[in-house]
N, C-alpha and C. Protein backbone atom coordinates (compact mmCIF):
# COMPACT_ATOMS: atom_id res chain seq x y z
N MET A 1 -69.44 16.26 -127.52
CA MET A 1 -68.82 17.22 -126.65
C MET A 1 -67.62 17.84 -127.36
N GLU A 2 -67.61 19.14 -127.50
CA GLU A 2 -66.53 19.86 -128.17
C GLU A 2 -65.36 20.06 -127.22
N PRO A 3 -64.13 19.81 -127.68
CA PRO A 3 -62.96 20.06 -126.81
C PRO A 3 -62.72 21.55 -126.65
N ASN A 4 -62.22 21.93 -125.48
CA ASN A 4 -61.89 23.35 -125.27
C ASN A 4 -60.52 23.66 -125.90
N ASP A 5 -60.09 24.91 -125.80
CA ASP A 5 -58.84 25.34 -126.44
C ASP A 5 -57.62 24.59 -125.93
N ASP A 6 -57.56 24.33 -124.62
CA ASP A 6 -56.42 23.60 -124.06
C ASP A 6 -56.36 22.18 -124.59
N GLU A 7 -57.51 21.54 -124.71
CA GLU A 7 -57.55 20.17 -125.23
C GLU A 7 -57.18 20.15 -126.71
N LEU A 8 -57.65 21.14 -127.48
CA LEU A 8 -57.31 21.19 -128.90
C LEU A 8 -55.81 21.34 -129.11
N PHE A 9 -55.14 22.05 -128.20
CA PHE A 9 -53.69 22.22 -128.30
C PHE A 9 -52.98 20.88 -128.16
N ARG A 10 -53.53 19.97 -127.40
CA ARG A 10 -52.91 18.65 -127.18
C ARG A 10 -53.34 17.62 -128.22
N LEU A 11 -54.22 17.99 -129.13
CA LEU A 11 -54.73 17.06 -130.13
C LEU A 11 -54.13 17.37 -131.50
N HIS A 12 -54.05 16.35 -132.33
CA HIS A 12 -53.69 16.57 -133.73
C HIS A 12 -54.48 15.61 -134.60
N LEU A 13 -54.58 15.94 -135.87
CA LEU A 13 -55.37 15.13 -136.79
C LEU A 13 -54.56 13.97 -137.33
N VAL A 14 -55.19 12.80 -137.39
CA VAL A 14 -54.59 11.63 -138.01
C VAL A 14 -55.66 10.95 -138.85
N LEU A 15 -55.23 10.07 -139.72
CA LEU A 15 -56.15 9.25 -140.49
C LEU A 15 -56.33 7.92 -139.77
N LYS A 16 -57.58 7.57 -139.46
CA LYS A 16 -57.87 6.28 -138.84
C LYS A 16 -58.70 5.46 -139.81
N HIS A 17 -58.32 4.22 -139.95
CA HIS A 17 -59.03 3.31 -140.84
C HIS A 17 -60.43 3.10 -140.31
N LYS A 18 -61.42 3.15 -141.20
CA LYS A 18 -62.82 3.06 -140.79
C LYS A 18 -63.17 1.70 -140.21
N ILE A 19 -62.54 0.65 -140.68
CA ILE A 19 -62.88 -0.70 -140.22
C ILE A 19 -61.99 -1.14 -139.07
N THR A 20 -60.68 -1.03 -139.24
CA THR A 20 -59.74 -1.55 -138.23
C THR A 20 -59.45 -0.56 -137.11
N ASP A 21 -59.77 0.72 -137.30
CA ASP A 21 -59.54 1.77 -136.32
C ASP A 21 -58.04 1.97 -136.02
N ARG A 22 -57.20 1.64 -136.99
CA ARG A 22 -55.76 1.84 -136.84
C ARG A 22 -55.35 3.13 -137.52
N VAL A 23 -54.34 3.78 -136.96
CA VAL A 23 -53.83 5.03 -137.52
C VAL A 23 -53.00 4.71 -138.76
N ALA A 24 -53.22 5.50 -139.82
CA ALA A 24 -52.50 5.29 -141.07
C ALA A 24 -51.03 5.62 -140.88
N SER A 25 -50.18 4.90 -141.60
CA SER A 25 -48.75 5.11 -141.47
C SER A 25 -48.18 5.84 -142.69
N ARG A 26 -49.03 6.46 -143.48
CA ARG A 26 -48.57 7.19 -144.65
C ARG A 26 -47.76 8.40 -144.25
N LYS A 27 -46.74 8.71 -145.06
CA LYS A 27 -45.91 9.88 -144.77
C LYS A 27 -46.71 11.17 -144.82
N ASP A 28 -47.61 11.27 -145.79
CA ASP A 28 -48.36 12.50 -145.97
C ASP A 28 -49.73 12.45 -145.29
N GLN A 29 -49.87 11.61 -144.28
CA GLN A 29 -51.18 11.44 -143.65
C GLN A 29 -51.70 12.72 -143.02
N ARG A 30 -50.81 13.55 -142.48
CA ARG A 30 -51.27 14.77 -141.82
C ARG A 30 -51.92 15.72 -142.82
N GLN A 31 -51.29 15.90 -143.99
CA GLN A 31 -51.86 16.79 -145.00
C GLN A 31 -53.20 16.25 -145.49
N LYS A 32 -53.27 14.94 -145.68
CA LYS A 32 -54.52 14.33 -146.15
C LYS A 32 -55.60 14.44 -145.08
N ALA A 33 -55.22 14.27 -143.82
CA ALA A 33 -56.20 14.39 -142.72
C ALA A 33 -56.73 15.82 -142.65
N ILE A 34 -55.86 16.80 -142.83
CA ILE A 34 -56.29 18.20 -142.81
C ILE A 34 -57.23 18.46 -143.97
N MET A 35 -56.93 17.90 -145.14
CA MET A 35 -57.78 18.08 -146.30
C MET A 35 -59.16 17.46 -146.08
N LEU A 36 -59.18 16.25 -145.51
CA LEU A 36 -60.47 15.61 -145.22
C LEU A 36 -61.27 16.40 -144.20
N GLU A 37 -60.60 16.93 -143.19
CA GLU A 37 -61.28 17.74 -142.17
C GLU A 37 -61.83 19.03 -142.79
N ALA A 38 -61.08 19.66 -143.68
CA ALA A 38 -61.55 20.87 -144.36
C ALA A 38 -62.77 20.56 -145.22
N GLN A 39 -62.78 19.41 -145.90
CA GLN A 39 -63.94 19.01 -146.69
C GLN A 39 -65.15 18.79 -145.80
N ARG A 40 -64.95 18.16 -144.66
CA ARG A 40 -66.05 17.91 -143.73
C ARG A 40 -66.63 19.22 -143.24
N LEU A 41 -65.76 20.15 -142.86
CA LEU A 41 -66.23 21.44 -142.38
C LEU A 41 -67.00 22.19 -143.47
N THR A 42 -66.54 22.10 -144.72
CA THR A 42 -67.22 22.75 -145.83
C THR A 42 -68.60 22.13 -146.04
N GLN A 43 -68.71 20.81 -145.96
CA GLN A 43 -69.99 20.13 -146.12
C GLN A 43 -70.96 20.49 -145.01
N GLU A 44 -70.44 20.78 -143.81
CA GLU A 44 -71.29 21.16 -142.69
C GLU A 44 -71.61 22.66 -142.69
N GLY A 45 -71.09 23.40 -143.65
CA GLY A 45 -71.35 24.82 -143.73
C GLY A 45 -70.40 25.67 -142.91
N GLN A 46 -69.32 25.09 -142.43
CA GLN A 46 -68.33 25.83 -141.66
C GLN A 46 -67.03 26.00 -142.43
N GLY A 47 -67.10 25.95 -143.72
CA GLY A 47 -65.90 25.95 -144.56
C GLY A 47 -65.39 27.32 -144.94
N ASP A 48 -65.67 28.33 -144.15
CA ASP A 48 -65.18 29.67 -144.44
C ASP A 48 -63.74 29.83 -143.95
N GLY A 49 -63.09 30.88 -144.39
CA GLY A 49 -61.77 31.23 -143.89
C GLY A 49 -60.70 30.24 -144.28
N ILE A 50 -59.93 29.81 -143.30
CA ILE A 50 -58.79 28.93 -143.54
C ILE A 50 -59.22 27.59 -144.12
N ALA A 51 -60.36 27.08 -143.66
CA ALA A 51 -60.83 25.78 -144.17
C ALA A 51 -61.02 25.81 -145.68
N SER A 52 -61.48 26.95 -146.22
CA SER A 52 -61.66 27.04 -147.67
C SER A 52 -60.33 26.97 -148.41
N LEU A 53 -59.27 27.45 -147.79
CA LEU A 53 -57.95 27.39 -148.41
C LEU A 53 -57.36 25.98 -148.41
N LEU A 54 -57.83 25.15 -147.48
CA LEU A 54 -57.28 23.80 -147.34
C LEU A 54 -58.04 22.76 -148.16
N ASN A 55 -59.15 23.14 -148.76
CA ASN A 55 -59.91 22.22 -149.60
C ASN A 55 -59.12 21.87 -150.85
N PRO A 56 -59.40 20.71 -151.46
CA PRO A 56 -58.71 20.32 -152.69
C PRO A 56 -58.90 21.36 -153.78
N LYS A 57 -57.85 21.65 -154.51
CA LYS A 57 -57.87 22.68 -155.55
C LYS A 57 -58.11 22.10 -156.94
N SER A 58 -57.58 20.93 -157.18
CA SER A 58 -57.68 20.34 -158.52
C SER A 58 -58.55 19.09 -158.49
N ARG A 59 -58.89 18.61 -159.67
CA ARG A 59 -59.68 17.39 -159.80
C ARG A 59 -58.90 16.19 -159.23
N GLN A 60 -57.58 16.19 -159.45
CA GLN A 60 -56.73 15.11 -158.93
C GLN A 60 -56.76 15.09 -157.41
N GLU A 61 -56.65 16.26 -156.77
CA GLU A 61 -56.70 16.32 -155.31
C GLU A 61 -58.06 15.88 -154.79
N GLU A 62 -59.13 16.23 -155.50
CA GLU A 62 -60.47 15.79 -155.09
C GLU A 62 -60.60 14.28 -155.19
N ASN A 63 -60.06 13.69 -156.26
CA ASN A 63 -60.09 12.23 -156.42
C ASN A 63 -59.30 11.54 -155.31
N ASP A 64 -58.10 12.08 -155.02
CA ASP A 64 -57.28 11.52 -153.95
C ASP A 64 -58.01 11.59 -152.61
N ALA A 65 -58.61 12.74 -152.34
CA ALA A 65 -59.32 12.94 -151.07
C ALA A 65 -60.51 12.00 -150.97
N SER A 66 -61.23 11.80 -152.07
CA SER A 66 -62.40 10.90 -152.01
C SER A 66 -61.97 9.45 -151.82
N GLN A 67 -60.85 9.07 -152.45
CA GLN A 67 -60.33 7.70 -152.25
C GLN A 67 -59.90 7.48 -150.81
N ILE A 68 -59.19 8.44 -150.26
CA ILE A 68 -58.73 8.31 -148.87
C ILE A 68 -59.92 8.39 -147.93
N GLY A 69 -60.89 9.26 -148.23
CA GLY A 69 -62.08 9.39 -147.40
C GLY A 69 -62.95 8.15 -147.40
N ALA A 70 -62.86 7.33 -148.44
CA ALA A 70 -63.62 6.09 -148.49
C ALA A 70 -63.07 5.06 -147.50
N THR A 71 -61.81 5.15 -147.19
CA THR A 71 -61.16 4.19 -146.31
C THR A 71 -60.89 4.74 -144.92
N TYR A 72 -60.58 6.04 -144.83
CA TYR A 72 -60.14 6.63 -143.57
C TYR A 72 -61.05 7.77 -143.12
N ASN A 73 -61.05 8.03 -141.83
CA ASN A 73 -61.66 9.20 -141.23
C ASN A 73 -60.56 10.07 -140.65
N ALA A 74 -60.76 11.39 -140.71
CA ALA A 74 -59.84 12.31 -140.05
C ALA A 74 -60.31 12.44 -138.60
N VAL A 75 -59.44 12.06 -137.67
CA VAL A 75 -59.80 12.01 -136.25
C VAL A 75 -58.76 12.78 -135.45
N ARG A 76 -59.23 13.48 -134.42
CA ARG A 76 -58.30 14.16 -133.51
C ARG A 76 -57.91 13.18 -132.41
N VAL A 77 -56.61 13.05 -132.21
CA VAL A 77 -56.09 12.20 -131.14
C VAL A 77 -55.08 12.99 -130.33
N ALA A 78 -54.87 12.55 -129.10
CA ALA A 78 -53.92 13.23 -128.22
C ALA A 78 -52.50 12.95 -128.68
N LYS A 79 -51.65 13.96 -128.58
CA LYS A 79 -50.24 13.79 -128.89
C LYS A 79 -49.58 13.01 -127.76
N ARG A 80 -48.67 12.14 -128.12
CA ARG A 80 -47.91 11.43 -127.10
C ARG A 80 -46.75 12.30 -126.67
N SER A 81 -46.62 12.45 -125.38
CA SER A 81 -45.47 13.24 -124.91
C SER A 81 -44.25 12.35 -124.90
N GLY A 82 -43.10 12.95 -125.14
CA GLY A 82 -41.86 12.18 -125.18
C GLY A 82 -41.54 11.54 -123.85
N ALA A 83 -41.89 12.20 -122.74
CA ALA A 83 -41.56 11.67 -121.43
C ALA A 83 -42.35 10.40 -121.14
N LYS A 84 -43.60 10.36 -121.56
CA LYS A 84 -44.43 9.20 -121.28
C LYS A 84 -44.07 8.01 -122.16
N SER A 85 -43.65 8.28 -123.39
CA SER A 85 -43.37 7.18 -124.31
C SER A 85 -41.95 6.65 -124.17
N GLY A 86 -41.13 7.27 -123.34
CA GLY A 86 -39.78 6.77 -123.12
C GLY A 86 -38.77 7.29 -124.12
N THR A 87 -39.17 8.17 -125.01
CA THR A 87 -38.22 8.73 -125.97
C THR A 87 -37.82 10.11 -125.51
N SER A 88 -36.66 10.54 -125.92
CA SER A 88 -36.18 11.85 -125.49
C SER A 88 -36.58 12.90 -126.51
N ASP A 89 -36.36 14.12 -126.17
CA ASP A 89 -36.62 15.23 -127.06
C ASP A 89 -35.60 15.17 -128.20
N ARG A 90 -36.07 14.92 -129.41
CA ARG A 90 -35.18 14.74 -130.56
C ARG A 90 -34.33 15.96 -130.85
N LYS A 91 -34.96 17.11 -130.79
CA LYS A 91 -34.24 18.34 -131.13
C LYS A 91 -33.11 18.59 -130.13
N ALA A 92 -33.40 18.43 -128.84
CA ALA A 92 -32.39 18.65 -127.81
C ALA A 92 -31.26 17.63 -127.95
N LEU A 93 -31.61 16.40 -128.28
CA LEU A 93 -30.58 15.38 -128.45
C LEU A 93 -29.72 15.67 -129.68
N ALA A 94 -30.35 16.12 -130.76
CA ALA A 94 -29.59 16.47 -131.96
C ALA A 94 -28.65 17.64 -131.67
N GLU A 95 -29.12 18.61 -130.88
CA GLU A 95 -28.26 19.73 -130.52
C GLU A 95 -27.09 19.28 -129.65
N ALA A 96 -27.35 18.33 -128.75
CA ALA A 96 -26.28 17.82 -127.89
C ALA A 96 -25.23 17.09 -128.72
N VAL A 97 -25.68 16.29 -129.68
CA VAL A 97 -24.74 15.57 -130.54
C VAL A 97 -23.99 16.55 -131.43
N GLY A 98 -24.64 17.64 -131.80
CA GLY A 98 -23.99 18.66 -132.62
C GLY A 98 -23.03 19.54 -131.85
N ASP A 99 -23.07 19.49 -130.53
CA ASP A 99 -22.19 20.30 -129.68
C ASP A 99 -20.79 19.72 -129.73
N GLY A 100 -19.87 20.47 -130.30
CA GLY A 100 -18.50 20.00 -130.46
C GLY A 100 -17.80 19.71 -129.15
N ALA A 101 -18.02 20.57 -128.14
CA ALA A 101 -17.35 20.38 -126.85
C ALA A 101 -17.82 19.10 -126.17
N LEU A 102 -19.12 18.85 -126.23
CA LEU A 102 -19.66 17.63 -125.60
C LEU A 102 -19.12 16.39 -126.30
N MET A 103 -19.16 16.39 -127.62
CA MET A 103 -18.71 15.22 -128.35
C MET A 103 -17.21 15.00 -128.17
N LEU A 104 -16.45 16.07 -128.13
CA LEU A 104 -15.02 15.95 -127.89
C LEU A 104 -14.77 15.30 -126.53
N LYS A 105 -15.50 15.73 -125.53
CA LYS A 105 -15.35 15.16 -124.19
C LYS A 105 -15.71 13.68 -124.18
N LEU A 106 -16.84 13.33 -124.82
CA LEU A 106 -17.26 11.93 -124.86
C LEU A 106 -16.26 11.06 -125.62
N VAL A 107 -15.80 11.55 -126.76
CA VAL A 107 -14.85 10.77 -127.57
C VAL A 107 -13.53 10.61 -126.84
N THR A 108 -13.07 11.66 -126.16
CA THR A 108 -11.81 11.59 -125.40
C THR A 108 -11.92 10.55 -124.29
N GLU A 109 -13.03 10.56 -123.59
CA GLU A 109 -13.24 9.57 -122.52
C GLU A 109 -13.35 8.16 -123.09
N PHE A 110 -14.01 8.03 -124.24
CA PHE A 110 -14.14 6.72 -124.88
C PHE A 110 -12.78 6.20 -125.33
N GLU A 111 -11.93 7.10 -125.85
CA GLU A 111 -10.58 6.71 -126.25
C GLU A 111 -9.78 6.16 -125.08
N THR A 112 -9.87 6.83 -123.94
CA THR A 112 -9.13 6.34 -122.77
C THR A 112 -9.67 4.99 -122.33
N HIS A 113 -10.95 4.76 -122.55
CA HIS A 113 -11.56 3.47 -122.19
C HIS A 113 -11.07 2.35 -123.11
N ILE A 114 -10.94 2.62 -124.41
CA ILE A 114 -10.59 1.55 -125.35
C ILE A 114 -9.09 1.39 -125.57
N LYS A 115 -8.27 2.23 -124.97
CA LYS A 115 -6.81 2.10 -125.15
C LYS A 115 -6.30 0.75 -124.68
N SER A 116 -6.95 0.18 -123.70
CA SER A 116 -6.50 -1.11 -123.18
C SER A 116 -6.99 -2.27 -124.03
N LYS A 117 -7.85 -2.00 -125.01
CA LYS A 117 -8.40 -3.04 -125.87
C LYS A 117 -7.83 -2.91 -127.28
N PRO A 118 -6.93 -3.78 -127.69
CA PRO A 118 -6.27 -3.63 -128.99
C PRO A 118 -7.16 -4.04 -130.17
N SER A 119 -8.33 -4.55 -129.94
CA SER A 119 -9.19 -5.04 -131.01
C SER A 119 -9.61 -3.91 -131.94
N PRO A 120 -9.57 -4.14 -133.27
CA PRO A 120 -10.02 -3.10 -134.20
C PRO A 120 -11.53 -2.87 -134.10
N HIS A 121 -12.25 -3.84 -133.54
CA HIS A 121 -13.70 -3.72 -133.40
C HIS A 121 -14.10 -2.92 -132.17
N ALA A 122 -13.12 -2.52 -131.37
CA ALA A 122 -13.43 -1.76 -130.16
C ALA A 122 -13.98 -0.38 -130.50
N VAL A 123 -13.56 0.16 -131.65
CA VAL A 123 -14.04 1.48 -132.06
C VAL A 123 -15.21 1.28 -133.03
N SER A 124 -16.40 1.26 -132.47
CA SER A 124 -17.61 1.14 -133.29
C SER A 124 -18.74 1.87 -132.57
N ALA A 125 -19.77 2.16 -133.33
CA ALA A 125 -20.93 2.84 -132.73
C ALA A 125 -21.57 1.95 -131.68
N LYS A 126 -21.55 0.64 -131.92
CA LYS A 126 -22.15 -0.30 -130.96
C LYS A 126 -21.40 -0.25 -129.63
N ASN A 127 -20.08 -0.31 -129.69
CA ASN A 127 -19.29 -0.27 -128.45
C ASN A 127 -19.40 1.10 -127.77
N PHE A 128 -19.43 2.17 -128.58
CA PHE A 128 -19.58 3.50 -128.00
C PHE A 128 -20.92 3.61 -127.26
N THR A 129 -21.98 3.11 -127.89
CA THR A 129 -23.31 3.17 -127.27
C THR A 129 -23.34 2.40 -125.97
N ARG A 130 -22.81 1.20 -125.97
CA ARG A 130 -22.76 0.40 -124.74
C ARG A 130 -21.96 1.10 -123.65
N TRP A 131 -20.83 1.63 -124.05
CA TRP A 131 -19.97 2.32 -123.09
C TRP A 131 -20.68 3.56 -122.54
N LEU A 132 -21.29 4.36 -123.43
CA LEU A 132 -21.95 5.59 -123.00
C LEU A 132 -23.07 5.29 -122.01
N TYR A 133 -23.93 4.34 -122.32
CA TYR A 133 -25.03 4.00 -121.41
C TYR A 133 -24.50 3.47 -120.08
N GLY A 134 -23.40 2.74 -120.14
CA GLY A 134 -22.79 2.25 -118.90
C GLY A 134 -22.23 3.38 -118.06
N GLU A 135 -21.60 4.35 -118.71
CA GLU A 135 -21.03 5.50 -118.00
C GLU A 135 -22.11 6.42 -117.43
N LEU A 136 -23.22 6.54 -118.13
CA LEU A 136 -24.29 7.41 -117.66
C LEU A 136 -25.02 6.84 -116.44
N VAL A 137 -24.81 5.57 -116.15
CA VAL A 137 -25.40 4.96 -114.97
C VAL A 137 -24.50 5.14 -113.75
N LYS A 138 -23.19 5.19 -113.99
CA LYS A 138 -22.23 5.34 -112.90
C LYS A 138 -22.19 6.79 -112.44
N ARG A 139 -22.62 7.04 -111.22
CA ARG A 139 -22.68 8.41 -110.71
C ARG A 139 -21.29 9.00 -110.44
N ASP A 140 -20.28 8.16 -110.34
CA ASP A 140 -18.94 8.67 -110.08
C ASP A 140 -18.11 8.84 -111.35
N SER A 141 -18.69 8.58 -112.51
CA SER A 141 -17.92 8.70 -113.75
C SER A 141 -17.85 10.15 -114.22
N VAL A 142 -16.81 10.45 -114.99
CA VAL A 142 -16.61 11.77 -115.55
C VAL A 142 -17.72 12.11 -116.54
N VAL A 143 -18.13 11.13 -117.31
CA VAL A 143 -19.18 11.33 -118.31
C VAL A 143 -20.50 11.69 -117.64
N TYR A 144 -20.82 11.01 -116.55
CA TYR A 144 -22.05 11.29 -115.81
C TYR A 144 -22.06 12.73 -115.32
N THR A 145 -20.97 13.16 -114.72
CA THR A 145 -20.86 14.52 -114.20
C THR A 145 -20.98 15.54 -115.32
N TYR A 146 -20.26 15.30 -116.41
CA TYR A 146 -20.28 16.24 -117.54
C TYR A 146 -21.67 16.31 -118.18
N ALA A 147 -22.31 15.15 -118.35
CA ALA A 147 -23.66 15.13 -118.93
C ALA A 147 -24.66 15.82 -118.02
N GLN A 148 -24.50 15.66 -116.73
CA GLN A 148 -25.41 16.29 -115.79
C GLN A 148 -25.29 17.82 -115.85
N GLU A 149 -24.09 18.31 -116.09
CA GLU A 149 -23.88 19.76 -116.16
C GLU A 149 -24.24 20.34 -117.52
N ASN A 150 -24.01 19.58 -118.61
CA ASN A 150 -24.10 20.16 -119.95
C ASN A 150 -25.15 19.55 -120.88
N ALA A 151 -25.54 18.31 -120.68
CA ALA A 151 -26.46 17.66 -121.62
C ALA A 151 -27.30 16.61 -120.90
N THR A 152 -28.28 17.07 -120.12
CA THR A 152 -29.13 16.12 -119.39
C THR A 152 -29.98 15.27 -120.31
N VAL A 153 -30.12 15.68 -121.56
CA VAL A 153 -30.91 14.91 -122.51
C VAL A 153 -30.29 13.52 -122.74
N LEU A 154 -28.99 13.38 -122.51
CA LEU A 154 -28.35 12.08 -122.68
C LEU A 154 -28.88 11.04 -121.69
N PHE A 155 -29.35 11.49 -120.55
CA PHE A 155 -29.90 10.55 -119.57
C PHE A 155 -31.22 9.96 -120.05
N GLU A 156 -31.96 10.73 -120.82
CA GLU A 156 -33.26 10.28 -121.32
C GLU A 156 -33.13 9.51 -122.62
N ALA A 157 -32.02 9.68 -123.32
CA ALA A 157 -31.86 9.12 -124.66
C ALA A 157 -31.75 7.60 -124.60
N LYS A 158 -32.66 6.95 -125.25
CA LYS A 158 -32.61 5.50 -125.37
C LYS A 158 -32.45 5.15 -126.84
N ARG A 159 -31.34 5.56 -127.39
CA ARG A 159 -31.06 5.35 -128.82
C ARG A 159 -30.08 4.20 -128.98
N GLY A 160 -30.26 3.45 -130.04
CA GLY A 160 -29.40 2.31 -130.30
C GLY A 160 -28.15 2.69 -131.06
N GLU A 161 -27.33 1.68 -131.33
CA GLU A 161 -26.07 1.95 -132.00
C GLU A 161 -26.27 2.47 -133.42
N ARG A 162 -27.35 2.07 -134.08
CA ARG A 162 -27.62 2.55 -135.44
C ARG A 162 -27.86 4.07 -135.42
N TRP A 163 -28.61 4.55 -134.42
CA TRP A 163 -28.89 5.98 -134.32
C TRP A 163 -27.59 6.75 -134.11
N TRP A 164 -26.74 6.25 -133.21
CA TRP A 164 -25.47 6.93 -132.95
C TRP A 164 -24.58 6.90 -134.18
N ALA A 165 -24.54 5.78 -134.91
CA ALA A 165 -23.74 5.71 -136.12
C ALA A 165 -24.21 6.75 -137.14
N ASP A 166 -25.53 6.88 -137.30
CA ASP A 166 -26.07 7.88 -138.22
C ASP A 166 -25.75 9.30 -137.75
N ALA A 167 -25.82 9.53 -136.44
CA ALA A 167 -25.51 10.85 -135.89
C ALA A 167 -24.04 11.21 -136.14
N PHE A 168 -23.14 10.24 -135.98
CA PHE A 168 -21.73 10.50 -136.25
C PHE A 168 -21.51 10.76 -137.74
N ARG A 169 -22.21 10.02 -138.59
CA ARG A 169 -22.09 10.21 -140.03
C ARG A 169 -22.54 11.62 -140.41
N LYS A 170 -23.65 12.09 -139.82
CA LYS A 170 -24.12 13.46 -140.09
C LYS A 170 -23.10 14.49 -139.63
N ARG A 171 -22.49 14.24 -138.46
CA ARG A 171 -21.48 15.17 -137.96
C ARG A 171 -20.31 15.27 -138.92
N ARG A 172 -19.88 14.12 -139.45
CA ARG A 172 -18.75 14.13 -140.38
C ARG A 172 -19.09 14.92 -141.64
N LYS A 173 -20.33 14.79 -142.13
CA LYS A 173 -20.74 15.52 -143.34
C LYS A 173 -20.76 17.01 -143.10
N THR A 174 -21.25 17.43 -141.94
CA THR A 174 -21.35 18.87 -141.68
C THR A 174 -20.01 19.50 -141.36
N GLN A 175 -19.05 18.70 -140.92
CA GLN A 175 -17.74 19.25 -140.58
C GLN A 175 -16.82 19.38 -141.77
N SER A 176 -17.12 18.66 -142.84
CA SER A 176 -16.23 18.72 -144.00
C SER A 176 -16.60 19.79 -144.97
């Protein structure tokens, strides 16, 4: 049964192991899956147009494709939506973290929170993350109100302290 256009929009190509039926975790799996699919279409006589451009060009690419094709099949699978998997929209979250006004507001509120704690360890990505998630649950907090008005993606964000530390590090690099 051939998928219709709407279904094809929700599908993408991945490499699945022929024996274990697990999706490959290679970084370049998408390009290799497209190459294998183009080869299959060419072998079936449907390799005109774009498919012909995606076929291996060199002997090395043909060898790579045949090696991967011996182990994997190119299969169409449904894309996981961010809402169903519990992850937030990465781009929207990155934009929110990049928003100077939002971050200034969050940092200012965090500073007022940690002023009563003289510990040098109070200022860390781990403590900020714990504090932020705690504030986003409290409907009467300033952070909750501000996030609701300006960055609703923070409510969906389930990122750990490592992610926030990396986000702050990126902000420092772009600001200097």
